[in-house]
Amino acid sequence: MKLSLRTKLSLSYVLVALLLVAAISFLSNFFLDKQFQSYVLSQQEQKNKSTVTRINQQYNDNGKGWNGVNLENIGESALEDGIIIKLKDSTGKTIWDARLHNKGLCSKMLSHMEENMASRYNDFKGGYVEKEYPLTYNAREIGNVKLGYYGPFYFTDDDLDFISTLNSILLVVGAGALLFALLLGAYMARRLSNPISRVIKSANQIAKGDFSGRIPEISNTKEIGELTTTINGLAETLEGQETLRKHLSADVAHELNTPLATLQSHIEAMIDGIWKPDKQRLKSCHEEVIRINKLVKDIEKLARYESENLNLHKTDFDLSALIQNITGNFEADFANKGININFTDRKHKINADKDKISQVLVNLLSNALKYTEKGGSIDIELKETTDKIAFSVKDNGIGISSEDLPHVFERFFRADKSRNRMTGGSGIGLSIVKAIIDAHKGSIDVNSEPAKGTEFIVILPKHAE
C-alpha cells in the first residue's frame, strides 16, 4: 500500500516522539532506581546511627541504669521509621525489645514493606536483616543494641507515591509530546507536500502541452526551491520552444509563399496560353525554384546547427590564416565594389570546428559586403587573451537602426527598408552564425548605427573544454 508523503511525515514524527518518550521514561526510571537505592541505603545508615546515639544517651549518668520511659518512646518512634530495636545490657539482659512490646505491629510492618517492594520489583530478593551496635559509657561497654529492618533496602509508601507520581507526569508528558508531534508532523507535511503537489500539477499541465502554468511560491526549503525553479524553467523553455516552432512554421510559410505564388502565376499563365513558354520566362521560373531550394537548404542547415546534438569536429588551427584565406576568396567581390579590407595577419591558434568557424566568417563577410556601399571599407581585428580569442568584422555601411538591432539574430529577420529579399537573402545567415557560436560555448555581439556602419564581435574559448 502506497502512503502519501504527508502521512509518512506525520507518522515519522509520531514514531520519533514515541521513541523519545519511551527512552526518557526508561532512562528516568533506571537512573532513579539507582539513585533512590543509594539514597535509601544512606538514609537507613543515618537513621541507624541516630537511633544508636539516642539510645546510648538514655543510660543514667550516675550509672544506676536505663531510662525506661525514654527507651519506650525511642522504640515506638523507630517502629514508625521501620526499625525494630532490641536492647541488651552488658550482662545480656534484655532492656527493651520491640517484638516483645508489640509483636503484631512488627510483623505487620515487615509484611507491608515486603508488599511495597514486591509491587515495585517482581523478583526482589529481600528480607529481615539486623545490625548490632555496641554501647559505651565513660569508655566502658554498657551493652549492645540490635536494629532490625527490611533489607537490603525498602521503599516507604511516600517513596512509592513519589515514583508513581513521576511516572504519571512522564505519561502526561508523553501524551502531550505525541499530540504535539502529530500536529507538528501534519503542519510540516503540509508545508512540504503542498509545493510538491503544485509541482506535480504543473508537470501534468506541461505533459498535456500547457506551458503557461508557473509555481509562484518561493520555498525556504532548498531542495523544493530548486525543484520549483527547475519546473518553472522547464515550462518557460518548452513554452519558448513551442513559440519558436510556431513562429518558424509561420515564417517558413511566409517566406515560401511569395516565390511559390510567383512560380504558380507564371506557370498558369503559360498553361492558359497568356504567356508563351519562351526561354526568358522559363529562366524566371527556374530562378524562383533556385530561390526556394536555397531557402529550404538554409532552413535545414539552421535546424542542424541549432540541434543540441550538433557534432563539433574540433581541431587546432591558425584562426588568422583561416581569416586570410576566406578574405582572399572574397577578393574579387570586394574589388568590384571598390571596398578596402583591412586585416593584419598574426598567428593565433584555436581549438574549434574549422568548417563551422569558416561558415561564420563567410556569413559575416557576406553581410558586410552586401551592406557596404562602393568605396567603403571593412576592418577585421583579431585579439586573444589567456583562454579566449575575439575577432570582429566592422564595416562603414548603411548600419542597422536601434529598433532592429535586438532582432538581427532571429530567423528570417530583415530590416524593412534596407534588408529586403533582393539584398538581404533569406534572413537565416545570422541565425546560423549565432547557433554555431553557441555550440562552441562562445558569444557574439553587434554594435551598429544607421549610416555609420556595423560591427560584429565574436568571442570564442581558445581551448577545448
Protein backbone atom coordinates (compact mmCIF):
# COMPACT_ATOMS: atom_id res chain seq x y z
CA MET A 1 0.00 0.00 0.00
CA LYS A 2 1.37 3.37 -1.02
CA LEU A 3 1.22 6.14 1.55
CA SER A 4 1.27 9.84 0.80
CA LEU A 5 4.23 11.99 1.79
CA ARG A 6 2.02 13.82 4.30
CA THR A 7 1.05 10.55 6.02
CA LYS A 8 4.61 9.29 6.11
CA LEU A 9 5.93 12.51 7.59
CA SER A 10 3.18 12.62 10.22
CA LEU A 11 3.82 9.00 11.20
CA SER A 12 7.56 9.58 11.34
CA TYR A 13 7.09 12.48 13.76
CA VAL A 14 4.80 10.34 15.95
CA LEU A 15 7.28 7.45 15.87
CA VAL A 16 10.16 9.72 16.87
CA ALA A 17 8.07 11.15 19.72
CA LEU A 18 7.13 7.63 20.91
CA LEU A 19 10.76 6.51 20.86
CA LEU A 20 11.93 9.61 22.71
CA VAL A 21 9.22 9.37 25.39
CA ALA A 22 9.90 5.64 25.85
CA ALA A 23 13.64 6.25 26.07
CA ILE A 24 13.22 9.11 28.55
CA SER A 25 10.82 7.05 30.69
CA PHE A 26 13.11 4.03 30.73
CA LEU A 27 16.24 6.04 31.49
CA SER A 28 14.45 8.12 34.12
CA ASN A 29 13.21 5.03 35.97
CA PHE A 30 16.54 3.24 35.58
CA PHE A 31 18.68 6.07 36.95
CA LEU A 32 16.01 6.98 39.51
CA ASP A 33 16.14 3.45 40.85
CA LYS A 34 19.91 3.55 41.13
CA GLN A 35 19.93 6.93 42.82
CA PHE A 36 16.94 6.10 45.03
CA GLN A 37 18.52 2.86 46.23
CA SER A 38 21.71 4.70 47.14
CA TYR A 39 19.66 7.39 48.84
CA VAL A 40 17.58 4.87 50.84
CA LEU A 41 20.66 2.93 51.96
CA SER A 42 22.35 6.17 53.02
CA GLN A 43 19.25 7.30 54.88
CA GLN A 44 18.93 3.91 56.60
CA GLU A 45 22.50 4.12 57.84
CA GLN A 46 21.92 7.66 59.15
CA LYS A 47 18.72 6.52 60.92
CA ASN A 48 20.63 3.64 62.49
CA LYS A 49 23.41 5.87 63.80
CA SER A 50 20.94 8.48 65.05
CA THR A 51 18.90 5.80 66.86
CA VAL A 52 22.01 4.25 68.45
CA THR A 53 23.15 7.66 69.66
CA ARG A 54 19.76 8.44 71.20
CA ILE A 55 19.65 5.03 72.93
CA ASN A 56 23.18 5.46 74.23
CA GLN A 57 22.14 8.77 75.79
CA GLN A 58 19.41 7.07 77.87
CA TYR A 59 21.91 5.47 80.23
CA ASN A 60 21.80 7.32 83.57
CA ASP A 61 24.80 9.50 84.32
CA ASN A 62 25.05 8.12 87.85
CA GLY A 63 25.38 4.63 86.45
CA LYS A 64 22.21 3.39 88.03
CA GLY A 65 20.59 2.11 84.81
CA TRP A 66 18.47 2.98 81.79
CA ASN A 67 15.67 5.50 81.36
CA GLY A 68 12.86 3.09 80.52
CA VAL A 69 10.28 5.70 79.58
CA ASN A 70 12.53 7.36 77.02
CA LEU A 71 13.63 4.00 75.63
CA GLU A 72 10.00 3.08 75.01
CA ASN A 73 9.43 6.39 73.20
CA ILE A 74 12.54 5.86 71.08
CA GLY A 75 11.48 2.27 70.29
CA GLU A 76 7.97 3.25 69.20
CA SER A 77 9.33 6.15 67.12
CA ALA A 78 11.80 3.79 65.47
CA LEU A 79 8.99 1.40 64.61
CA GLU A 80 7.31 4.16 62.67
CA ASP A 81 10.54 4.52 60.68
CA GLY A 82 10.64 0.78 60.02
CA ILE A 83 13.31 -0.07 62.63
CA ILE A 84 12.90 -2.84 65.23
CA ILE A 85 15.04 -2.23 68.33
CA LYS A 86 16.35 -4.92 70.68
CA LEU A 87 18.48 -3.52 73.58
CA LYS A 88 20.58 -5.64 76.00
CA ASP A 89 22.89 -4.55 78.80
CA SER A 90 26.43 -5.77 79.37
CA THR A 91 25.19 -8.86 81.22
CA GLY A 92 22.98 -9.93 78.30
CA LYS A 93 19.75 -8.91 80.00
CA THR A 94 17.08 -7.58 77.60
CA ILE A 95 16.29 -3.98 78.46
CA TRP A 96 13.77 -3.32 75.67
CA ASP A 97 12.58 -5.43 72.73
CA ALA A 98 10.13 -4.08 70.15
CA ARG A 99 8.88 -7.58 69.34
CA LEU A 100 8.03 -8.19 72.99
CA HIS A 101 6.50 -4.73 73.22
CA ASN A 102 4.28 -5.10 70.10
CA LYS A 103 4.98 -8.22 68.09
CA GLY A 104 1.91 -7.75 65.89
CA LEU A 105 2.96 -4.29 64.78
CA CYS A 106 6.47 -5.51 63.91
CA SER A 107 5.11 -8.37 61.79
CA LYS A 108 2.59 -6.10 60.09
CA MET A 109 5.32 -3.52 59.34
CA LEU A 110 7.66 -6.11 57.80
CA SER A 111 4.79 -7.61 55.78
CA HIS A 112 3.82 -4.18 54.44
CA MET A 113 7.41 -3.44 53.44
CA GLU A 114 7.57 -6.74 51.59
CA GLU A 115 4.35 -5.88 49.73
CA ASN A 116 5.77 -2.46 48.76
CA MET A 117 8.93 -3.98 47.35
CA ALA A 118 7.01 -6.73 45.54
CA SER A 119 4.79 -4.10 43.92
CA ARG A 120 7.88 -2.36 42.58
CA TYR A 121 10.11 -5.35 41.79
CA ASN A 122 8.60 -8.69 40.78
CA ASP A 123 11.69 -10.70 41.68
CA PHE A 124 13.06 -8.61 44.56
CA LYS A 125 15.25 -10.68 46.92
CA GLY A 126 14.86 -9.10 50.34
CA GLY A 127 14.05 -9.93 53.94
CA TYR A 128 14.54 -9.09 57.58
CA VAL A 129 18.13 -8.08 58.49
CA GLU A 130 19.75 -6.99 61.77
CA LYS A 131 22.75 -4.86 62.59
CA GLU A 132 24.37 -4.88 66.04
CA TYR A 133 25.98 -1.78 67.56
CA PRO A 134 27.97 -1.64 70.88
CA LEU A 135 27.01 0.88 73.59
CA THR A 136 29.59 2.54 75.85
CA TYR A 137 29.66 4.89 78.79
CA ASN A 138 32.86 6.56 80.01
CA ALA A 139 34.94 4.24 77.83
CA ARG A 140 33.33 1.08 79.23
CA GLU A 141 30.82 -1.17 77.49
CA ILE A 142 27.35 -0.93 78.90
CA GLY A 143 25.56 -3.19 76.42
CA ASN A 144 24.58 -3.53 72.75
CA VAL A 145 21.60 -2.78 70.56
CA LYS A 146 20.32 -4.69 67.55
CA LEU A 147 18.48 -2.73 64.87
CA GLY A 148 16.28 -4.83 62.60
CA TYR A 149 14.69 -3.66 59.34
CA TYR A 150 13.67 -4.89 55.90
CA GLY A 151 16.79 -5.10 53.73
CA PRO A 152 18.92 -4.59 51.82
CA PHE A 153 16.62 -1.56 51.34
CA TYR A 154 12.94 -0.78 51.17
CA PHE A 155 10.57 1.90 49.87
CA THR A 156 8.00 3.53 52.08
CA ASP A 157 4.53 4.47 50.94
CA ASP A 158 5.74 8.03 50.34
CA ASP A 159 8.60 6.76 48.20
CA LEU A 160 6.26 4.69 46.07
CA ASP A 161 3.84 7.61 45.77
CA PHE A 162 6.71 9.79 44.52
CA ILE A 163 7.73 7.22 41.90
CA SER A 164 4.10 6.74 40.84
CA THR A 165 3.61 10.50 40.53
CA LEU A 166 6.78 10.81 38.44
CA ASN A 167 5.60 8.07 36.05
CA SER A 168 2.19 9.75 35.79
CA ILE A 169 3.90 13.00 34.88
CA LEU A 170 6.01 11.19 32.27
CA LEU A 171 2.84 9.61 30.87
CA VAL A 172 1.13 13.00 30.58
CA VAL A 173 4.26 14.49 29.01
CA GLY A 174 4.39 11.57 26.59
CA ALA A 175 0.76 12.04 25.58
CA GLY A 176 1.38 15.77 25.13
CA ALA A 177 4.52 15.05 23.09
CA LEU A 178 2.57 12.66 20.86
CA LEU A 179 -0.14 15.22 20.28
CA PHE A 180 2.43 17.93 19.57
CA ALA A 181 4.36 15.59 17.24
CA LEU A 182 1.15 14.76 15.38
CA LEU A 183 0.24 18.43 14.95
CA LEU A 184 3.80 19.44 14.03
CA GLY A 185 4.09 16.49 11.65
CA ALA A 186 0.83 17.41 9.94
CA TYR A 187 1.92 21.05 9.65
CA MET A 188 5.39 20.23 8.30
CA ALA A 189 3.95 17.59 5.99
CA ARG A 190 1.53 20.15 4.58
CA ARG A 191 4.34 22.68 4.16
CA LEU A 192 6.43 20.13 2.27
CA SER A 193 3.74 18.29 0.33
CA ASN A 194 1.76 21.31 -0.93
CA PRO A 195 4.63 22.69 -3.09
CA ILE A 196 5.31 19.18 -4.40
CA SER A 197 1.63 18.78 -5.24
CA ARG A 198 1.77 22.06 -7.15
CA VAL A 199 4.89 20.81 -8.97
CA ILE A 200 3.03 17.62 -9.91
CA LYS A 201 0.08 19.66 -11.16
CA SER A 202 2.38 21.90 -13.19
CA ALA A 203 4.22 18.87 -14.61
CA ASN A 204 0.91 17.33 -15.65
CA GLN A 205 -0.03 20.58 -17.40
CA ILE A 206 3.31 20.53 -19.23
CA ALA A 207 2.73 16.88 -20.23
CA LYS A 208 -0.61 17.94 -21.74
CA GLY A 209 1.03 20.74 -23.73
CA ASP A 210 0.02 23.63 -21.46
CA PHE A 211 3.23 25.54 -20.71
CA SER A 212 1.60 28.58 -19.13
CA GLY A 213 1.44 27.18 -15.59
CA ARG A 214 4.04 28.54 -13.15
CA ILE A 215 4.67 27.92 -9.45
CA PRO A 216 4.75 31.38 -7.84
CA GLU A 217 5.54 30.29 -4.25
CA ILE A 218 9.13 30.68 -3.07
CA SER A 219 10.01 27.87 -0.65
CA ASN A 220 12.65 28.32 2.03
CA THR A 221 13.48 24.62 1.68
CA LYS A 222 16.50 24.40 -0.59
CA GLU A 223 15.56 21.23 -2.47
CA ILE A 224 11.92 22.25 -3.00
CA GLY A 225 13.05 25.70 -4.11
CA GLU A 226 15.38 24.11 -6.67
CA LEU A 227 12.59 21.77 -7.79
CA THR A 228 10.08 24.57 -8.37
CA THR A 229 12.73 26.68 -10.11
CA THR A 230 13.59 23.75 -12.38
CA ILE A 231 9.94 23.09 -13.26
CA ASN A 232 9.35 26.79 -13.92
CA GLY A 233 12.48 26.88 -16.08
CA LEU A 234 11.35 23.75 -17.93
CA ALA A 235 7.93 25.23 -18.60
CA GLU A 236 9.47 28.50 -19.76
CA THR A 237 11.93 26.71 -22.05
CA LEU A 238 9.26 24.46 -23.56
CA GLU A 239 6.94 27.41 -23.99
CA GLY A 240 9.73 29.29 -25.75
CA GLN A 241 10.47 26.29 -27.97
CA GLU A 242 6.79 25.94 -28.79
CA THR A 243 6.60 29.64 -29.65
CA LEU A 244 9.71 29.33 -31.83
CA ARG A 245 8.24 26.29 -33.55
CA LYS A 246 5.03 28.15 -34.32
CA HIS A 247 6.95 31.22 -35.46
CA LEU A 248 9.22 29.08 -37.59
CA SER A 249 6.24 27.43 -39.27
CA ALA A 250 4.68 30.83 -39.90
CA ASP A 251 7.99 32.30 -41.13
CA VAL A 252 8.68 29.39 -43.46
CA ALA A 253 5.16 29.60 -44.87
CA HIS A 254 5.58 33.35 -45.33
CA GLU A 255 8.99 33.01 -46.98
CA LEU A 256 7.84 30.28 -49.35
CA ASN A 257 4.57 31.97 -50.20
CA THR A 258 5.99 34.72 -52.46
CA PRO A 259 8.26 32.58 -54.71
CA LEU A 260 5.62 29.81 -54.91
CA ALA A 261 2.88 32.31 -55.75
CA THR A 262 5.11 33.87 -58.44
CA LEU A 263 6.01 30.46 -59.83
CA GLN A 264 2.37 29.37 -59.83
CA SER A 265 1.15 32.52 -61.64
CA HIS A 266 3.86 32.19 -64.30
CA ILE A 267 3.11 28.53 -64.97
CA GLU A 268 -0.67 29.10 -65.03
CA ALA A 269 -0.19 31.97 -67.47
CA MET A 270 1.80 29.70 -69.75
CA ILE A 271 -0.73 26.85 -69.41
CA ASP A 272 -3.61 29.21 -70.23
CA GLY A 273 -1.74 30.47 -73.32
CA ILE A 274 -1.41 34.00 -71.99
CA TRP A 275 2.37 33.65 -71.99
CA LYS A 276 4.47 31.68 -74.36
CA PRO A 277 6.89 29.31 -72.56
CA ASP A 278 9.94 31.01 -74.05
CA LYS A 279 13.45 30.89 -72.65
CA GLN A 280 13.15 34.13 -70.67
CA ARG A 281 10.00 33.08 -68.82
CA LEU A 282 11.33 29.58 -68.13
CA LYS A 283 14.53 31.16 -66.79
CA SER A 284 12.43 33.32 -64.46
CA CYS A 285 10.64 30.21 -63.18
CA HIS A 286 13.96 28.46 -62.76
CA GLU A 287 15.29 31.35 -60.65
CA GLU A 288 12.27 31.08 -58.34
CA VAL A 289 12.89 27.33 -57.97
CA ILE A 290 16.53 28.03 -57.13
CA ARG A 291 15.47 30.59 -54.50
CA ILE A 292 13.06 28.08 -52.94
CA ASN A 293 15.72 25.37 -52.98
CA LYS A 294 18.26 27.69 -51.35
CA LEU A 295 15.77 28.69 -48.66
CA VAL A 296 14.99 25.05 -47.86
CA LYS A 297 18.69 24.24 -47.62
CA ASP A 298 19.26 27.23 -45.33
CA ILE A 299 16.42 26.05 -43.07
CA GLU A 300 17.89 22.54 -42.97
CA LYS A 301 21.31 23.97 -42.13
CA LEU A 302 19.89 26.16 -39.39
CA ALA A 303 17.97 23.21 -37.87
CA ARG A 304 21.17 21.15 -37.89
CA TYR A 305 23.23 23.92 -36.27
CA GLU A 306 20.61 24.63 -33.62
CA SER A 307 20.28 21.00 -32.69
CA GLU A 308 21.56 20.04 -29.26
CA ASN A 309 23.21 17.03 -30.90
CA LEU A 310 25.32 19.20 -33.18
CA ASN A 311 28.65 17.44 -33.54
CA LEU A 312 31.70 19.67 -33.50
CA HIS A 313 34.87 18.27 -35.03
CA LYS A 314 37.37 20.39 -33.15
CA THR A 315 40.97 20.67 -34.27
CA ASP A 316 43.85 23.03 -33.60
CA PHE A 317 44.30 25.57 -36.39
CA ASP A 318 45.51 29.10 -37.02
CA LEU A 319 42.47 31.38 -36.97
CA SER A 320 44.44 34.21 -38.57
CA ALA A 321 45.35 32.03 -41.55
CA LEU A 322 41.71 30.96 -41.92
CA ILE A 323 40.57 34.61 -42.00
CA GLN A 324 43.24 35.38 -44.56
CA ASN A 325 42.07 32.52 -46.82
CA ILE A 326 38.39 33.47 -46.64
CA THR A 327 39.02 37.17 -47.29
CA GLY A 328 41.06 36.03 -50.29
CA ASN A 329 38.00 34.21 -51.63
CA PHE A 330 36.04 37.49 -51.42
CA GLU A 331 38.83 39.48 -53.08
CA ALA A 332 37.11 39.78 -56.48
CA ASP A 333 33.77 40.82 -54.89
CA PHE A 334 35.49 43.49 -52.77
CA ALA A 335 37.36 44.77 -55.82
CA ASN A 336 34.15 45.04 -57.90
CA LYS A 337 32.61 47.37 -55.27
CA GLY A 338 35.85 49.18 -54.57
CA ILE A 339 35.81 48.11 -50.92
CA ASN A 340 39.04 48.05 -48.95
CA ILE A 341 39.52 45.22 -46.46
CA ASN A 342 41.99 45.71 -43.63
CA PHE A 343 43.40 42.78 -41.68
CA THR A 344 46.76 42.27 -40.03
CA ASP A 345 47.84 38.67 -40.30
CA ARG A 346 49.16 37.35 -36.98
CA LYS A 347 49.31 33.77 -35.82
CA HIS A 348 46.55 32.88 -33.34
CA LYS A 349 45.93 29.22 -32.54
CA ILE A 350 42.45 28.00 -31.54
CA ASN A 351 40.77 24.65 -30.92
CA ALA A 352 37.41 24.67 -32.73
CA ASP A 353 35.46 23.25 -35.65
CA LYS A 354 37.28 24.79 -38.62
CA ASP A 355 34.48 24.28 -41.16
CA LYS A 356 31.82 25.85 -38.96
CA ILE A 357 34.01 28.81 -38.00
CA SER A 358 34.60 29.25 -41.72
CA GLN A 359 30.81 29.41 -42.18
CA VAL A 360 30.65 32.15 -39.51
CA LEU A 361 33.32 34.21 -41.27
CA VAL A 362 31.70 33.72 -44.69
CA ASN A 363 28.29 34.86 -43.41
CA LEU A 364 29.68 37.92 -41.62
CA LEU A 365 31.80 38.98 -44.60
CA SER A 366 28.86 38.40 -46.97
CA ASN A 367 26.69 40.70 -44.86
CA ALA A 368 29.43 43.33 -44.70
CA LEU A 369 29.86 43.14 -48.48
CA LYS A 370 26.10 43.47 -49.15
CA TYR A 371 25.50 46.46 -46.92
CA THR A 372 28.68 48.42 -47.50
CA GLU A 373 28.45 50.95 -50.30
CA LYS A 374 31.04 51.38 -53.05
CA GLY A 375 34.31 52.84 -51.87
CA GLY A 376 33.69 51.72 -48.30
CA SER A 377 35.96 49.65 -46.05
CA ILE A 378 35.82 46.53 -43.86
CA ASP A 379 38.11 46.09 -40.86
CA ILE A 380 38.83 42.67 -39.34
CA GLU A 381 40.52 42.68 -35.95
CA LEU A 382 41.80 39.66 -34.04
CA LYS A 383 42.75 39.62 -30.36
CA GLU A 384 43.45 36.94 -27.77
CA THR A 385 43.75 36.51 -24.01
CA THR A 386 44.94 33.58 -21.92
CA ASP A 387 41.86 31.45 -22.61
CA LYS A 388 39.80 33.32 -25.24
CA ILE A 389 40.10 34.63 -28.78
CA ALA A 390 37.99 37.54 -30.07
CA PHE A 391 37.60 38.71 -33.65
CA SER A 392 35.44 41.45 -35.09
CA VAL A 393 34.14 42.33 -38.55
CA LYS A 394 33.42 46.04 -38.87
CA ASP A 395 32.08 47.91 -41.90
CA ASN A 396 31.14 51.54 -42.59
CA GLY A 397 27.98 50.61 -44.47
CA ILE A 398 24.34 51.56 -44.06
CA GLY A 399 24.09 50.28 -40.46
CA ILE A 400 21.12 48.98 -38.54
CA SER A 401 18.55 51.01 -36.65
CA SER A 402 18.30 50.70 -32.86
CA GLU A 403 14.79 49.25 -33.22
CA ASP A 404 16.03 46.44 -35.48
CA LEU A 405 19.30 45.73 -33.67
CA PRO A 406 17.89 43.36 -30.98
CA HIS A 407 16.33 41.16 -33.69
CA VAL A 408 19.24 40.66 -36.10
CA PHE A 409 19.87 37.04 -34.94
CA GLU A 410 16.23 35.98 -35.29
CA ARG A 411 15.20 33.67 -38.12
CA PHE A 412 14.08 35.40 -41.34
CA PHE A 413 14.59 38.86 -39.86
CA ARG A 414 15.29 41.68 -42.30
CA ALA A 415 15.00 45.37 -41.68
CA ASP A 416 12.17 46.60 -43.91
CA LYS A 417 13.99 49.47 -45.56
CA SER A 418 17.44 48.12 -46.20
CA ARG A 419 17.41 44.32 -45.77
CA ASN A 420 14.77 43.09 -48.19
CA ARG A 421 14.72 39.88 -50.19
CA MET A 422 16.64 41.39 -53.06
CA THR A 423 19.70 42.26 -50.93
CA GLY A 424 19.16 40.52 -47.62
CA GLY A 425 18.95 36.88 -48.67
CA SER A 426 16.77 34.51 -46.64
CA GLY A 427 17.39 36.18 -43.29
CA ILE A 428 18.84 32.98 -41.81
CA GLY A 429 22.57 33.73 -42.15
CA LEU A 430 22.99 35.47 -38.78
CA SER A 431 20.80 32.84 -37.06
CA ILE A 432 23.23 30.21 -38.34
CA VAL A 433 26.17 32.28 -37.07
CA LYS A 434 24.56 32.54 -33.63
CA ALA A 435 23.88 28.79 -33.50
CA ILE A 436 27.48 27.92 -34.37
CA ILE A 437 28.92 30.34 -31.81
CA ASP A 438 26.57 28.98 -29.13
CA ALA A 439 27.62 25.42 -29.95
CA HIS A 440 31.25 26.49 -29.31
CA LYS A 441 30.20 27.99 -25.92
CA GLY A 442 31.13 31.42 -27.22
CA SER A 443 29.29 34.71 -27.63
CA ILE A 444 28.50 37.21 -30.38
CA ASP A 445 27.51 40.87 -30.04
CA VAL A 446 26.62 43.56 -32.54
CA ASN A 447 27.09 47.32 -32.49
CA SER A 448 25.61 49.50 -35.19
CA GLU A 449 24.45 52.99 -36.10
CA PRO A 450 22.50 53.93 -39.21
CA ALA A 451 24.70 55.45 -41.94
CA LYS A 452 27.84 54.77 -39.86
CA GLY A 453 28.29 51.02 -40.08
CA THR A 454 28.02 47.78 -38.18
CA GLU A 455 30.44 45.73 -36.08
CA PHE A 456 30.02 42.07 -35.14
CA ILE A 457 32.22 40.86 -32.26
CA VAL A 458 32.77 37.12 -31.74
CA ILE A 459 34.42 35.68 -28.59
CA LEU A 460 35.42 32.01 -28.56
CA PRO A 461 37.18 29.82 -25.99
CA LYS A 462 40.72 29.20 -27.11
CA HIS A 463 40.96 25.63 -25.83
CA ALA A 464 38.59 22.67 -25.92
CA GLU A 465 36.57 22.08 -22.75
